[in-house]
PDB file of N, CA and C in Angstrom:
ATOM      1  N   MET A   1     -26.516  14.365  61.425  1.00  0.00           N
ATOM      2  CA  MET A   1     -27.026  14.889  60.179  1.00  0.00           C
ATOM      3  C   MET A   1     -28.081  15.944  60.475  1.00  0.00           C
ATOM      4  N   ILE A   2     -28.056  16.973  59.666  1.00  0.00           N
ATOM      5  CA  ILE A   2     -29.025  18.047  59.817  1.00  0.00           C
ATOM      6  C   ILE A   2     -29.924  18.058  58.582  1.00  0.00           C
ATOM      7  N   PHE A   3     -31.242  17.990  58.826  1.00  0.00           N
ATOM      8  CA  PHE A   3     -32.243  17.929  57.765  1.00  0.00           C
ATOM      9  C   PHE A   3     -33.050  19.212  57.707  1.00  0.00           C
ATOM     10  N   ALA A   4     -33.468  19.573  56.511  1.00  0.00           N
ATOM     11  CA  ALA A   4     -34.495  20.589  56.300  1.00  0.00           C
ATOM     12  C   ALA A   4     -35.582  19.926  55.475  1.00  0.00           C
ATOM     13  N   VAL A   5     -36.817  20.242  55.774  1.00  0.00           N
ATOM     14  CA  VAL A   5     -37.947  19.687  55.031  1.00  0.00           C
ATOM     15  C   VAL A   5     -38.794  20.848  54.528  1.00  0.00           C
ATOM     16  N   TYR A   6     -39.053  20.859  53.227  1.00  0.00           N
ATOM     17  CA  TYR A   6     -39.848  21.929  52.639  1.00  0.00           C
ATOM     18  C   TYR A   6     -40.820  21.356  51.624  1.00  0.00           C
ATOM     19  N   HIS A   7     -42.094  21.673  51.791  1.00  0.00           N
ATOM     20  CA  HIS A   7     -43.122  21.255  50.849  1.00  0.00           C
ATOM     21  C   HIS A   7     -43.888  22.502  50.455  1.00  0.00           C
ATOM     22  N   GLY A   8     -43.469  23.095  49.353  1.00  0.00           N
ATOM     23  CA  GLY A   8     -44.112  24.330  48.940  1.00  0.00           C
ATOM     24  C   GLY A   8     -43.767  24.673  47.510  1.00  0.00           C
ATOM     25  N   THR A   9     -44.262  25.822  47.070  1.00  0.00           N
ATOM     26  CA  THR A   9     -44.096  26.219  45.680  1.00  0.00           C
ATOM     27  C   THR A   9     -43.097  27.353  45.484  1.00  0.00           C
ATOM     28  N   ASN A  10     -42.508  27.849  46.562  1.00  0.00           N
ATOM     29  CA  ASN A  10     -41.567  28.960  46.456  1.00  0.00           C
ATOM     30  C   ASN A  10     -40.176  28.417  46.125  1.00  0.00           C
ATOM     31  N   SER A  11     -39.810  28.466  44.841  1.00  0.00           N
ATOM     32  CA  SER A  11     -38.531  27.891  44.407  1.00  0.00           C
ATOM     33  C   SER A  11     -37.338  28.628  45.018  1.00  0.00           C
ATOM     34  N   LYS A  12     -37.472  29.930  45.266  1.00  0.00           N
ATOM     35  CA  LYS A  12     -36.373  30.677  45.899  1.00  0.00           C
ATOM     36  C   LYS A  12     -36.133  30.195  47.326  1.00  0.00           C
ATOM     37  N   ARG A  13     -37.187  29.908  48.050  1.00  0.00           N
ATOM     38  CA  ARG A  13     -37.057  29.409  49.419  1.00  0.00           C
ATOM     39  C   ARG A  13     -36.370  28.040  49.414  1.00  0.00           C
ATOM     40  N   LYS A  14     -36.812  27.173  48.502  1.00  0.00           N
ATOM     41  CA  LYS A  14     -36.204  25.840  48.411  1.00  0.00           C
ATOM     42  C   LYS A  14     -34.722  25.950  48.041  1.00  0.00           C
ATOM     43  N   GLU A  15     -34.405  26.758  47.058  1.00  0.00           N
ATOM     44  CA  GLU A  15     -33.008  26.929  46.639  1.00  0.00           C
ATOM     45  C   GLU A  15     -32.151  27.514  47.745  1.00  0.00           C
ATOM     46  N   SER A  16     -32.711  28.414  48.546  1.00  0.00           N
ATOM     47  CA  SER A  16     -31.925  28.986  49.642  1.00  0.00           C
ATOM     48  C   SER A  16     -31.601  27.929  50.686  1.00  0.00           C
ATOM     49  N   LEU A  17     -32.521  27.000  50.930  1.00  0.00           N
ATOM     50  CA  LEU A  17     -32.236  25.893  51.853  1.00  0.00           C
ATOM     51  C   LEU A  17     -31.117  25.009  51.308  1.00  0.00           C
ATOM     52  N   ILE A  18     -31.140  24.768  50.018  1.00  0.00           N
ATOM     53  CA  ILE A  18     -30.129  23.921  49.383  1.00  0.00           C
ATOM     54  C   ILE A  18     -28.775  24.613  49.348  1.00  0.00           C
ATOM     55  N   GLN A  19     -28.751  25.866  48.960  1.00  0.00           N
ATOM     56  CA  GLN A  19     -27.494  26.580  48.722  1.00  0.00           C
ATOM     57  C   GLN A  19     -26.818  27.114  49.988  1.00  0.00           C
ATOM     58  N   CYS A  20     -27.551  27.229  51.094  1.00  0.00           N
ATOM     59  CA  CYS A  20     -26.967  27.859  52.287  1.00  0.00           C
ATOM     60  C   CYS A  20     -25.847  27.042  52.919  1.00  0.00           C
ATOM     61  N   GLY A  21     -25.790  25.746  52.651  1.00  0.00           N
ATOM     62  CA  GLY A  21     -24.725  24.915  53.195  1.00  0.00           C
ATOM     63  C   GLY A  21     -24.928  24.476  54.633  1.00  0.00           C
ATOM     64  N   LYS A  22     -26.071  24.775  55.226  1.00  0.00           N
ATOM     65  CA  LYS A  22     -26.336  24.407  56.628  1.00  0.00           C
ATOM     66  C   LYS A  22     -26.870  22.983  56.771  1.00  0.00           C
ATOM     67  N   TYR A  23     -27.402  22.432  55.681  1.00  0.00           N
ATOM     68  CA  TYR A  23     -28.115  21.157  55.781  1.00  0.00           C
ATOM     69  C   TYR A  23     -27.408  20.056  55.019  1.00  0.00           C
ATOM     70  N   ASP A  24     -27.391  18.877  55.632  1.00  0.00           N
ATOM     71  CA  ASP A  24     -26.847  17.696  54.960  1.00  0.00           C
ATOM     72  C   ASP A  24     -27.860  17.162  53.948  1.00  0.00           C
ATOM     73  N   VAL A  25     -29.137  17.247  54.316  1.00  0.00           N
ATOM     74  CA  VAL A  25     -30.209  16.723  53.470  1.00  0.00           C
ATOM     75  C   VAL A  25     -31.356  17.729  53.449  1.00  0.00           C
ATOM     76  N   VAL A  26     -31.843  18.032  52.261  1.00  0.00           N
ATOM     77  CA  VAL A  26     -33.064  18.820  52.103  1.00  0.00           C
ATOM     78  C   VAL A  26     -34.096  17.900  51.468  1.00  0.00           C
ATOM     79  N   VAL A  27     -35.166  17.642  52.216  1.00  0.00           N
ATOM     80  CA  VAL A  27     -36.270  16.837  51.713  1.00  0.00           C
ATOM     81  C   VAL A  27     -37.332  17.817  51.227  1.00  0.00           C
ATOM     82  N   CYS A  28     -37.692  17.674  49.969  1.00  0.00           N
ATOM     83  CA  CYS A  28     -38.667  18.609  49.404  1.00  0.00           C
ATOM     84  C   CYS A  28     -39.771  17.832  48.714  1.00  0.00           C
ATOM     85  N   GLY A  29     -40.852  18.528  48.457  1.00  0.00           N
ATOM     86  CA  GLY A  29     -41.983  17.881  47.820  1.00  0.00           C
ATOM     87  C   GLY A  29     -42.658  18.824  46.859  1.00  0.00           C
ATOM     88  N   HIS A  30     -43.896  18.598  46.649  1.00  0.00           N
ATOM     89  CA  HIS A  30     -44.810  19.397  45.858  1.00  0.00           C
ATOM     90  C   HIS A  30     -44.704  19.140  44.352  1.00  0.00           C
ATOM     91  N   THR A  31     -43.547  18.767  43.823  1.00  0.00           N
ATOM     92  CA  THR A  31     -43.435  18.525  42.384  1.00  0.00           C
ATOM     93  C   THR A  31     -43.919  17.136  42.000  1.00  0.00           C
ATOM     94  N   HIS A  32     -44.004  16.228  42.968  1.00  0.00           N
ATOM     95  CA  HIS A  32     -44.459  14.853  42.764  1.00  0.00           C
ATOM     96  C   HIS A  32     -43.504  14.052  41.868  1.00  0.00           C
ATOM     97  N   ARG A  33     -42.258  14.487  41.796  1.00  0.00           N
ATOM     98  CA  ARG A  33     -41.247  13.781  41.002  1.00  0.00           C
ATOM     99  C   ARG A  33     -40.101  13.338  41.916  1.00  0.00           C
ATOM    100  N   ILE A  34     -39.729  12.079  41.813  1.00  0.00           N
ATOM    101  CA  ILE A  34     -38.620  11.559  42.599  1.00  0.00           C
ATOM    102  C   ILE A  34     -37.343  12.321  42.245  1.00  0.00           C
ATOM    103  N   GLN A  35     -36.596  12.672  43.279  1.00  0.00           N
ATOM    104  CA  GLN A  35     -35.310  13.338  43.060  1.00  0.00           C
ATOM    105  C   GLN A  35     -34.311  12.829  44.082  1.00  0.00           C
ATOM    106  N   ASN A  36     -33.100  12.590  43.623  1.00  0.00           N
ATOM    107  CA  ASN A  36     -31.984  12.168  44.465  1.00  0.00           C
ATOM    108  C   ASN A  36     -30.746  12.801  43.845  1.00  0.00           C
ATOM    109  N   LYS A  37     -30.370  13.965  44.342  1.00  0.00           N
ATOM    110  CA  LYS A  37     -29.318  14.751  43.701  1.00  0.00           C
ATOM    111  C   LYS A  37     -28.493  15.446  44.772  1.00  0.00           C
ATOM    112  N   LYS A  38     -27.213  15.585  44.512  1.00  0.00           N
ATOM    113  CA  LYS A  38     -26.333  16.273  45.451  1.00  0.00           C
ATOM    114  C   LYS A  38     -25.909  17.612  44.855  1.00  0.00           C
ATOM    115  N   VAL A  39     -25.997  18.660  45.686  1.00  0.00           N
ATOM    116  CA  VAL A  39     -25.531  19.988  45.321  1.00  0.00           C
ATOM    117  C   VAL A  39     -24.557  20.404  46.423  1.00  0.00           C
ATOM    118  N   GLY A  40     -23.283  20.466  46.067  1.00  0.00           N
ATOM    119  CA  GLY A  40     -22.275  20.713  47.103  1.00  0.00           C
ATOM    120  C   GLY A  40     -22.290  19.568  48.095  1.00  0.00           C
ATOM    121  N   LYS A  41     -22.434  19.880  49.372  1.00  0.00           N
ATOM    122  CA  LYS A  41     -22.504  18.827  50.396  1.00  0.00           C
ATOM    123  C   LYS A  41     -23.938  18.430  50.732  1.00  0.00           C
ATOM    124  N   THR A  42     -24.903  19.064  50.074  1.00  0.00           N
ATOM    125  CA  THR A  42     -26.311  18.861  50.411  1.00  0.00           C
ATOM    126  C   THR A  42     -26.979  17.883  49.451  1.00  0.00           C
ATOM    127  N   LEU A  43     -27.610  16.869  50.025  1.00  0.00           N
ATOM    128  CA  LEU A  43     -28.374  15.904  49.256  1.00  0.00           C
ATOM    129  C   LEU A  43     -29.824  16.382  49.187  1.00  0.00           C
ATOM    130  N   ILE A  44     -30.381  16.421  47.991  1.00  0.00           N
ATOM    131  CA  ILE A  44     -31.777  16.807  47.800  1.00  0.00           C
ATOM    132  C   ILE A  44     -32.575  15.542  47.523  1.00  0.00           C
ATOM    133  N   VAL A  45     -33.613  15.328  48.324  1.00  0.00           N
ATOM    134  CA  VAL A  45     -34.443  14.132  48.191  1.00  0.00           C
ATOM    135  C   VAL A  45     -35.900  14.558  48.057  1.00  0.00           C
ATOM    136  N   ASN A  46     -36.536  14.086  47.001  1.00  0.00           N
ATOM    137  CA  ASN A  46     -37.972  14.250  46.832  1.00  0.00           C
ATOM    138  C   ASN A  46     -38.540  12.840  46.716  1.00  0.00           C
ATOM    139  N   PRO A  47     -39.417  12.442  47.637  1.00  0.00           N
ATOM    140  CA  PRO A  47     -39.930  11.073  47.630  1.00  0.00           C
ATOM    141  C   PRO A  47     -40.927  10.766  46.521  1.00  0.00           C
ATOM    142  N   GLY A  48     -41.346  11.771  45.774  1.00  0.00           N
ATOM    143  CA  GLY A  48     -42.272  11.525  44.674  1.00  0.00           C
ATOM    144  C   GLY A  48     -43.687  11.908  45.023  1.00  0.00           C
ATOM    145  N   THR A  49     -44.622  11.003  44.771  1.00  0.00           N
ATOM    146  CA  THR A  49     -46.040  11.324  44.959  1.00  0.00           C
ATOM    147  C   THR A  49     -46.753  10.282  45.814  1.00  0.00           C
ATOM    148  N   ALA A  50     -47.562  10.773  46.720  1.00  0.00           N
ATOM    149  CA  ALA A  50     -48.320   9.881  47.598  1.00  0.00           C
ATOM    150  C   ALA A  50     -49.663   9.472  46.996  1.00  0.00           C
ATOM    151  N   ASN A  51     -50.056  10.125  45.897  1.00  0.00           N
ATOM    152  CA  ASN A  51     -51.367   9.797  45.349  1.00  0.00           C
ATOM    153  C   ASN A  51     -51.317   9.106  43.993  1.00  0.00           C
ATOM    154  N   GLY A  52     -50.176   9.146  43.306  1.00  0.00           N
ATOM    155  CA  GLY A  52     -50.028   8.428  42.048  1.00  0.00           C
ATOM    156  C   GLY A  52     -50.744   9.023  40.861  1.00  0.00           C
ATOM    157  N   TRP A  53     -51.308  10.206  41.000  1.00  0.00           N
ATOM    158  CA  TRP A  53     -52.066  10.812  39.913  1.00  0.00           C
ATOM    159  C   TRP A  53     -51.193  11.472  38.869  1.00  0.00           C
ATOM    160  N   PHE A  54     -49.982  11.838  39.240  1.00  0.00           N
ATOM    161  CA  PHE A  54     -49.153  12.650  38.363  1.00  0.00           C
ATOM    162  C   PHE A  54     -48.092  11.812  37.648  1.00  0.00           C
ATOM    163  N   PHE A  55     -47.854  12.128  36.389  1.00  0.00           N
ATOM    164  CA  PHE A  55     -46.723  11.606  35.624  1.00  0.00           C
ATOM    165  C   PHE A  55     -46.716  10.094  35.495  1.00  0.00           C
ATOM    166  N   GLU A  56     -47.845   9.451  35.744  1.00  0.00           N
ATOM    167  CA  GLU A  56     -47.969   8.000  35.602  1.00  0.00           C
ATOM    168  C   GLU A  56     -46.906   7.232  36.373  1.00  0.00           C
ATOM    169  N   SER A  57     -46.465   7.794  37.511  1.00  0.00           N
ATOM    170  CA  SER A  57     -45.409   7.147  38.291  1.00  0.00           C
ATOM    171  C   SER A  57     -45.949   6.211  39.354  1.00  0.00           C
ATOM    172  N   GLY A  58     -47.229   6.267  39.613  1.00  0.00           N
ATOM    173  CA  GLY A  58     -47.791   5.490  40.701  1.00  0.00           C
ATOM    174  C   GLY A  58     -47.425   6.121  42.034  1.00  0.00           C
ATOM    175  N   VAL A  59     -47.826   5.481  43.102  1.00  0.00           N
ATOM    176  CA  VAL A  59     -47.555   5.974  44.450  1.00  0.00           C
ATOM    177  C   VAL A  59     -46.116   5.633  44.827  1.00  0.00           C
ATOM    178  N   THR A  60     -45.395   6.644  45.316  1.00  0.00           N
ATOM    179  CA  THR A  60     -44.002   6.437  45.703  1.00  0.00           C
ATOM    180  C   THR A  60     -43.752   6.982  47.107  1.00  0.00           C
ATOM    181  N   ALA A  61     -42.686   6.500  47.703  1.00  0.00           N
ATOM    182  CA  ALA A  61     -42.250   6.957  49.021  1.00  0.00           C
ATOM    183  C   ALA A  61     -40.741   6.753  49.102  1.00  0.00           C
ATOM    184  N   ALA A  62     -40.143   7.338  50.109  1.00  0.00           N
ATOM    185  CA  ALA A  62     -38.704   7.150  50.324  1.00  0.00           C
ATOM    186  C   ALA A  62     -38.435   6.935  51.798  1.00  0.00           C
ATOM    187  N   ILE A  63     -37.512   6.043  52.068  1.00  0.00           N
ATOM    188  CA  ILE A  63     -36.999   5.846  53.424  1.00  0.00           C
ATOM    189  C   ILE A  63     -35.532   6.228  53.380  1.00  0.00           C
ATOM    190  N   PHE A  64     -35.140   7.112  54.290  1.00  0.00           N
ATOM    191  CA  PHE A  64     -33.751   7.579  54.307  1.00  0.00           C
ATOM    192  C   PHE A  64     -32.977   6.807  55.360  1.00  0.00           C
ATOM    193  N   ASP A  65     -31.901   6.158  54.932  1.00  0.00           N
ATOM    194  CA  ASP A  65     -31.029   5.398  55.821  1.00  0.00           C
ATOM    195  C   ASP A  65     -29.941   6.327  56.351  1.00  0.00           C
ATOM    196  N   THR A  66     -29.971   6.627  57.622  1.00  0.00           N
ATOM    197  CA  THR A  66     -28.996   7.560  58.198  1.00  0.00           C
ATOM    198  C   THR A  66     -27.605   6.942  58.335  1.00  0.00           C
ATOM    199  N   GLN A  67     -27.509   5.633  58.225  1.00  0.00           N
ATOM    200  CA  GLN A  67     -26.199   4.979  58.273  1.00  0.00           C
ATOM    201  C   GLN A  67     -25.479   5.104  56.924  1.00  0.00           C
ATOM    202  N   THR A  68     -26.182   4.763  55.851  1.00  0.00           N
ATOM    203  CA  THR A  68     -25.579   4.825  54.518  1.00  0.00           C
ATOM    204  C   THR A  68     -25.711   6.214  53.892  1.00  0.00           C
ATOM    205  N   LYS A  69     -26.601   7.027  54.471  1.00  0.00           N
ATOM    206  CA  LYS A  69     -26.877   8.375  53.962  1.00  0.00           C
ATOM    207  C   LYS A  69     -27.451   8.337  52.543  1.00  0.00           C
ATOM    208  N   GLU A  70     -28.299   7.349  52.307  1.00  0.00           N
ATOM    209  CA  GLU A  70     -28.925   7.164  51.002  1.00  0.00           C
ATOM    210  C   GLU A  70     -30.425   6.943  51.166  1.00  0.00           C
ATOM    211  N   PRO A  71     -31.213   7.507  50.241  1.00  0.00           N
ATOM    212  CA  PRO A  71     -32.651   7.216  50.257  1.00  0.00           C
ATOM    213  C   PRO A  71     -32.947   5.920  49.509  1.00  0.00           C
ATOM    214  N   ASP A  72     -33.975   5.234  49.951  1.00  0.00           N
ATOM    215  CA  ASP A  72     -34.468   4.041  49.275  1.00  0.00           C
ATOM    216  C   ASP A  72     -35.862   4.397  48.758  1.00  0.00           C
ATOM    217  N   PHE A  73     -35.996   4.521  47.447  1.00  0.00           N
ATOM    218  CA  PHE A  73     -37.279   4.884  46.840  1.00  0.00           C
ATOM    219  C   PHE A  73     -38.083   3.635  46.585  1.00  0.00           C
ATOM    220  N   MET A  74     -39.369   3.692  46.925  1.00  0.00           N
ATOM    221  CA  MET A  74     -40.241   2.544  46.768  1.00  0.00           C
ATOM    222  C   MET A  74     -41.467   2.920  45.947  1.00  0.00           C
ATOM    223  N   HIS A  75     -41.876   2.016  45.108  1.00  0.00           N
ATOM    224  CA  HIS A  75     -43.144   2.171  44.381  1.00  0.00           C
ATOM    225  C   HIS A  75     -44.158   1.312  45.111  1.00  0.00           C
ATOM    226  N   LEU A  76     -45.187   1.945  45.620  1.00  0.00           N
ATOM    227  CA  LEU A  76     -46.169   1.255  46.458  1.00  0.00           C
ATOM    228  C   LEU A  76     -47.395   0.841  45.669  1.00  0.00           C
TER     229      LEU A  76
END
């Protein structure tokens, strides 16, 4: 599996990582919202927020299982 990780505010950069087709998984952040979505062959994973201040979601994290190819989202 090939991963890309991006934590930033440039939506064009993030979209180019997703749309280029080079990555199996794109892990992104900065929005503080959990995301688990597939675009073409690329899975987009956002683990949420590490501080719990935003959107009343509390502290969240994700563990990615490389066997099942699925993220496990946790509320901490």
